[in-house]
Amino acid sequence: MDRLFDKVIVRPPGESYKNCVSTNPQHDTIDVKLAQKQHREYVKVLRENGVDVVELEPLNPHPDSVFVQDTSIIGASSKRAIIVRFGEPSRRGEERTVKELLLKEGFKIKEIQPPGTLEGGDILVTDQGVVFIGESQRTNKEGIEQFARYFSHVKVIKVPINKIFHLLSGVAYLGNKIVAISPQVVDVSYFKGFKLIQIPEDELYANNMLYLGEKKVLMPAGYPKTEEKLKREGFKPILIGVSEFWKGDGGVTCLNSPFYKPL
């Protein structure tokens, strides 16, 4: 299997999800019941594709906690994990239950120390010995340096980000040295040596996609140009409704924290 993970952590949205931090103009129309249904469907698709899904309890005091990717970066091979320090202060505290779970599973934990900030959505892991990290509104230079010291066996490339919240909103790794990228928000020059699939400018949201191995790509429904482009490149898109997570400034990758095999 050529995907980067075989196991993930997820957390269903709680009743408070409608109060999440979001710049989306449709934020006020979030339907929590529909979000919960979409999340169950997401988990079902992961399990159908052989992913071991560890499901945490909803965390009502933290409306954004469904976006569990941001809490941690987990190295399956090294049995090391980083617990983040959120750049978005209102989200601090979401990471605690993830830390407890990983300690129970025997992981060696490193916590990002102030003034460092680091969020999982800024971290693009590849199987090429390279990890790209977005220096963004949420992840700073100190946080990136702490990551690089802890996971010293991989090369870290820092990518400046200012038009999107997180790097993974504009880049996805699709295995075999292939990257889906949106050049209007991410500078392609950092990805020399990788084959680039450019995502249509008017379908930026589709770039937040998750590679499930064997050419299967989980992506949001409703982006026909991206779907067609992936098919032409030999990929098999799996479409999923994530409208309520789009309204919360989240996407397909944000909903899980993978146990990365290359780390």
Protein backbone atom coordinates (compact mmCIF):
# COMPACT_ATOMS: atom_id res chain seq x y z
CA MET A 1 0.00 0.00 0.00
CA ASP A 2 1.53 3.30 -1.12
CA ARG A 3 -0.40 5.60 1.21
CA LEU A 4 1.37 7.37 4.05
CA PHE A 5 -0.75 5.94 6.88
CA ASP A 6 -2.85 2.92 7.86
CA LYS A 7 -4.33 4.39 11.01
CA VAL A 8 -5.91 7.75 11.90
CA ILE A 9 -7.55 9.57 14.80
CA VAL A 10 -10.91 11.26 14.21
CA ARG A 11 -13.31 13.20 16.42
CA PRO A 12 -16.99 13.76 15.50
CA PRO A 13 -18.30 17.33 15.67
CA GLY A 14 -20.03 18.21 18.93
CA GLU A 15 -23.20 20.30 19.27
CA SER A 16 -21.01 23.41 19.65
CA TYR A 17 -19.44 22.95 16.18
CA LYS A 18 -21.57 25.78 14.75
CA ASN A 19 -19.50 28.20 16.89
CA CYS A 20 -16.20 27.23 15.24
CA VAL A 21 -13.68 29.83 14.07
CA SER A 22 -14.45 30.52 10.40
CA THR A 23 -14.18 33.29 7.83
CA ASN A 24 -16.72 31.58 5.54
CA PRO A 25 -19.70 33.87 4.79
CA GLN A 26 -21.99 30.83 5.16
CA HIS A 27 -20.64 30.01 8.63
CA ASP A 28 -24.00 30.91 10.24
CA THR A 29 -25.81 28.26 8.18
CA ILE A 30 -23.82 25.31 9.61
CA ASP A 31 -26.17 22.36 10.17
CA VAL A 32 -24.66 20.33 13.02
CA LYS A 33 -26.85 17.27 12.38
CA LEU A 34 -25.75 17.23 8.74
CA ALA A 35 -22.11 17.74 9.79
CA GLN A 36 -22.39 14.69 12.07
CA LYS A 37 -23.90 12.65 9.24
CA GLN A 38 -21.15 13.75 6.83
CA HIS A 39 -18.53 12.83 9.44
CA ARG A 40 -20.01 9.32 9.84
CA GLU A 41 -19.86 8.89 6.06
CA TYR A 42 -16.23 10.07 6.06
CA VAL A 43 -15.30 7.49 8.71
CA LYS A 44 -17.16 4.78 6.77
CA VAL A 45 -15.16 5.56 3.59
CA LEU A 46 -11.86 5.42 5.50
CA ARG A 47 -12.76 2.05 7.03
CA GLU A 48 -13.94 0.67 3.68
CA ASN A 49 -10.47 1.50 2.36
CA GLY A 50 -8.70 -0.43 5.09
CA VAL A 51 -7.83 2.45 7.40
CA ASP A 52 -7.90 1.73 11.14
CA VAL A 53 -9.97 4.60 12.60
CA VAL A 54 -9.64 5.55 16.27
CA GLU A 55 -12.66 7.66 17.20
CA LEU A 56 -12.44 10.09 20.12
CA GLU A 57 -15.46 11.54 21.94
CA PRO A 58 -16.83 14.92 20.77
CA LEU A 59 -15.29 17.82 22.67
CA ASN A 60 -18.09 20.34 23.18
CA PRO A 61 -16.04 23.03 24.96
CA HIS A 62 -13.96 23.22 21.75
CA PRO A 63 -16.16 23.93 18.69
CA ASP A 64 -13.25 23.38 16.22
CA SER A 65 -12.16 20.04 17.67
CA VAL A 66 -13.57 18.01 14.75
CA PHE A 67 -10.51 19.31 12.83
CA VAL A 68 -8.31 16.89 14.75
CA GLN A 69 -5.51 16.95 12.18
CA ASP A 70 -4.23 20.17 13.71
CA THR A 71 -3.62 18.69 17.17
CA SER A 72 -0.68 16.41 16.47
CA ILE A 73 1.89 15.03 14.06
CA ILE A 74 2.28 11.33 14.68
CA GLY A 75 5.25 9.23 13.54
CA ALA A 76 4.15 5.60 13.21
CA SER A 77 7.68 4.29 12.50
CA SER A 78 9.57 6.27 15.15
CA LYS A 79 6.78 5.99 17.78
CA ARG A 80 7.28 9.71 18.29
CA ALA A 81 4.61 12.38 18.17
CA ILE A 82 4.46 16.13 18.40
CA ILE A 83 1.61 17.73 20.31
CA VAL A 84 1.02 21.15 18.85
CA ARG A 85 0.74 24.61 20.27
CA PHE A 86 -2.12 26.20 18.36
CA GLY A 87 -1.56 29.49 16.57
CA GLU A 88 -5.31 30.09 17.06
CA PRO A 89 -5.48 30.66 20.87
CA SER A 90 -9.17 29.69 21.16
CA ARG A 91 -8.27 26.15 20.09
CA ARG A 92 -5.68 25.52 22.81
CA GLY A 93 -6.80 22.55 24.90
CA GLU A 94 -8.12 20.42 22.01
CA GLU A 95 -4.81 18.57 21.95
CA ARG A 96 -4.98 17.16 25.52
CA THR A 97 -7.09 14.08 24.84
CA VAL A 98 -4.97 13.28 21.77
CA LYS A 99 -1.87 13.44 23.95
CA GLU A 100 -3.48 11.07 26.49
CA LEU A 101 -4.34 8.57 23.75
CA LEU A 102 -0.82 8.64 22.29
CA LEU A 103 0.82 8.23 25.70
CA LYS A 104 -1.37 5.16 26.30
CA GLU A 105 -0.17 3.79 22.95
CA GLY A 106 3.45 4.18 24.02
CA PHE A 107 4.45 7.20 21.93
CA LYS A 108 7.31 9.44 22.97
CA ILE A 109 5.78 12.92 23.05
CA LYS A 110 7.30 16.31 22.29
CA GLU A 111 5.19 19.40 22.97
CA ILE A 112 5.79 22.59 21.02
CA GLN A 113 7.07 25.25 23.42
CA PRO A 114 6.33 29.01 23.33
CA PRO A 115 6.90 31.16 21.43
CA GLY A 116 6.60 28.34 18.87
CA THR A 117 3.27 27.59 17.21
CA LEU A 118 2.63 24.63 14.94
CA GLU A 119 -0.62 23.22 13.52
CA GLY A 120 -0.97 19.87 11.72
CA GLY A 121 -2.74 21.47 8.75
CA ASP A 122 0.54 23.15 7.80
CA ILE A 123 2.48 19.89 7.51
CA LEU A 124 2.76 17.99 4.23
CA VAL A 125 4.47 14.64 4.78
CA THR A 126 5.90 12.75 1.79
CA ASP A 127 7.56 9.34 1.43
CA GLN A 128 10.61 10.98 -0.14
CA GLY A 129 12.40 11.91 3.10
CA VAL A 130 11.01 15.46 2.82
CA VAL A 131 8.37 17.24 4.91
CA PHE A 132 7.04 20.61 3.73
CA ILE A 133 5.81 22.95 6.47
CA GLY A 134 3.81 26.10 5.85
CA GLU A 135 4.98 29.19 7.72
CA SER A 136 1.54 30.72 8.12
CA GLN A 137 -0.77 32.69 10.41
CA ARG A 138 -0.98 29.52 12.51
CA THR A 139 2.56 28.03 12.34
CA ASN A 140 5.69 30.09 13.00
CA LYS A 141 9.43 29.75 12.46
CA GLU A 142 10.09 28.59 16.05
CA GLY A 143 7.47 25.85 15.76
CA ILE A 144 8.96 24.64 12.49
CA GLU A 145 12.47 24.57 14.01
CA GLN A 146 11.22 22.49 16.96
CA PHE A 147 9.60 20.03 14.52
CA ALA A 148 12.84 19.78 12.51
CA ARG A 149 14.89 19.02 15.63
CA TYR A 150 12.51 16.30 16.81
CA PHE A 151 12.03 14.59 13.44
CA SER A 152 15.67 15.09 12.47
CA HIS A 153 15.71 12.11 10.05
CA VAL A 154 13.64 14.03 7.48
CA LYS A 155 14.49 17.14 5.52
CA VAL A 156 12.18 20.05 6.37
CA ILE A 157 11.34 22.62 3.70
CA LYS A 158 9.63 25.78 4.93
CA VAL A 159 6.96 27.18 2.58
CA PRO A 160 5.67 30.73 3.19
CA ILE A 161 1.86 30.87 3.24
CA ASN A 162 -0.22 34.04 3.44
CA LYS A 163 -3.29 33.55 1.22
CA ILE A 164 -4.71 30.50 3.02
CA PHE A 165 -4.84 29.37 6.66
CA HIS A 166 -2.87 26.15 6.23
CA LEU A 167 -0.48 24.69 3.66
CA LEU A 168 -2.75 21.66 3.12
CA SER A 169 -5.51 23.93 1.81
CA GLY A 170 -3.32 24.43 -1.26
CA VAL A 171 -1.15 21.30 -1.61
CA ALA A 172 -1.79 17.55 -1.35
CA TYR A 173 0.65 14.66 -1.67
CA LEU A 174 -0.70 11.89 -3.91
CA GLY A 175 2.11 9.33 -3.66
CA ASN A 176 4.82 8.50 -6.20
CA LYS A 177 6.36 12.02 -6.07
CA ILE A 178 3.09 13.60 -7.28
CA VAL A 179 1.68 16.76 -5.71
CA ALA A 180 -1.67 18.45 -6.35
CA ILE A 181 -1.11 22.18 -5.98
CA SER A 182 -2.87 25.54 -6.36
CA PRO A 183 -0.24 27.97 -7.70
CA GLN A 184 -2.37 31.02 -6.88
CA VAL A 185 -1.88 30.35 -3.14
CA VAL A 186 1.32 28.24 -2.90
CA ASP A 187 4.66 28.98 -4.60
CA VAL A 188 5.38 25.94 -6.81
CA SER A 189 9.14 26.61 -6.81
CA TYR A 190 9.46 24.87 -3.41
CA PHE A 191 8.35 21.57 -4.95
CA LYS A 192 11.19 20.99 -7.43
CA GLY A 193 11.59 17.31 -8.30
CA PHE A 194 7.90 16.55 -7.77
CA LYS A 195 5.36 16.13 -10.54
CA LEU A 196 2.77 18.89 -10.12
CA ILE A 197 -0.92 18.55 -10.92
CA GLN A 198 -2.30 22.09 -10.96
CA ILE A 199 -5.79 22.35 -9.50
CA PRO A 200 -8.13 24.71 -11.42
CA GLU A 201 -8.11 28.18 -9.89
CA ASP A 202 -11.88 28.27 -9.32
CA GLU A 203 -11.78 24.91 -7.51
CA LEU A 204 -9.21 25.74 -4.83
CA TYR A 205 -11.21 23.97 -2.10
CA ALA A 206 -10.82 20.65 -3.93
CA ASN A 207 -7.07 20.81 -3.30
CA ASN A 208 -7.72 19.74 0.29
CA MET A 209 -7.80 16.02 -0.66
CA LEU A 210 -6.57 12.83 0.98
CA TYR A 211 -4.59 10.12 -0.79
CA LEU A 212 -5.79 6.65 0.25
CA GLY A 213 -3.26 4.63 -1.75
CA GLU A 214 -3.64 2.54 -4.92
CA LYS A 215 -4.50 5.72 -6.88
CA LYS A 216 -7.61 6.42 -4.76
CA VAL A 217 -8.11 10.05 -3.72
CA LEU A 218 -10.79 11.18 -1.28
CA MET A 219 -11.99 14.62 -2.34
CA PRO A 220 -14.95 16.94 -1.76
CA ALA A 221 -17.94 16.47 -4.06
CA GLY A 222 -18.85 19.28 -6.41
CA TYR A 223 -15.52 19.98 -8.16
CA PRO A 224 -15.89 18.39 -11.59
CA LYS A 225 -12.80 19.94 -13.23
CA THR A 226 -10.50 18.62 -10.48
CA GLU A 227 -12.21 15.23 -10.56
CA GLU A 228 -11.71 15.02 -14.33
CA LYS A 229 -8.09 16.17 -14.09
CA LEU A 230 -7.30 13.48 -11.48
CA LYS A 231 -8.96 10.81 -13.64
CA ARG A 232 -6.84 11.86 -16.63
CA GLU A 233 -3.75 11.36 -14.45
CA GLY A 234 -4.88 7.81 -13.63
CA PHE A 235 -6.34 8.52 -10.19
CA LYS A 236 -9.66 7.21 -8.87
CA PRO A 237 -11.49 10.03 -7.09
CA ILE A 238 -13.84 9.09 -4.24
CA LEU A 239 -16.30 11.95 -3.72
CA ILE A 240 -17.68 12.89 -0.34
CA GLY A 241 -20.05 15.61 0.87
CA VAL A 242 -18.27 17.98 3.26
CA SER A 243 -20.38 21.13 2.84
CA GLU A 244 -20.69 21.71 6.60
CA PHE A 245 -16.93 21.47 7.09
CA TRP A 246 -16.34 23.84 4.17
CA LYS A 247 -18.50 26.35 6.08
CA GLY A 248 -16.16 25.88 9.06
CA ASP A 249 -12.99 26.54 7.00
CA GLY A 250 -12.09 22.85 7.13
CA GLY A 251 -11.71 20.09 4.57
CA VAL A 252 -11.08 16.43 3.90
CA THR A 253 -7.59 16.26 5.43
CA CYS A 254 -8.53 18.36 8.48
CA LEU A 255 -10.88 15.64 9.79
CA ASN A 256 -8.18 13.11 10.69
CA SER A 257 -4.75 12.94 12.29
CA PRO A 258 -2.75 10.21 10.50
CA PHE A 259 -0.14 7.89 11.97
CA TYR A 260 2.48 8.71 9.31
CA LYS A 261 4.57 5.73 8.23
CA PRO A 262 7.50 7.86 6.89
CA LEU A 263 7.95 9.66 10.24
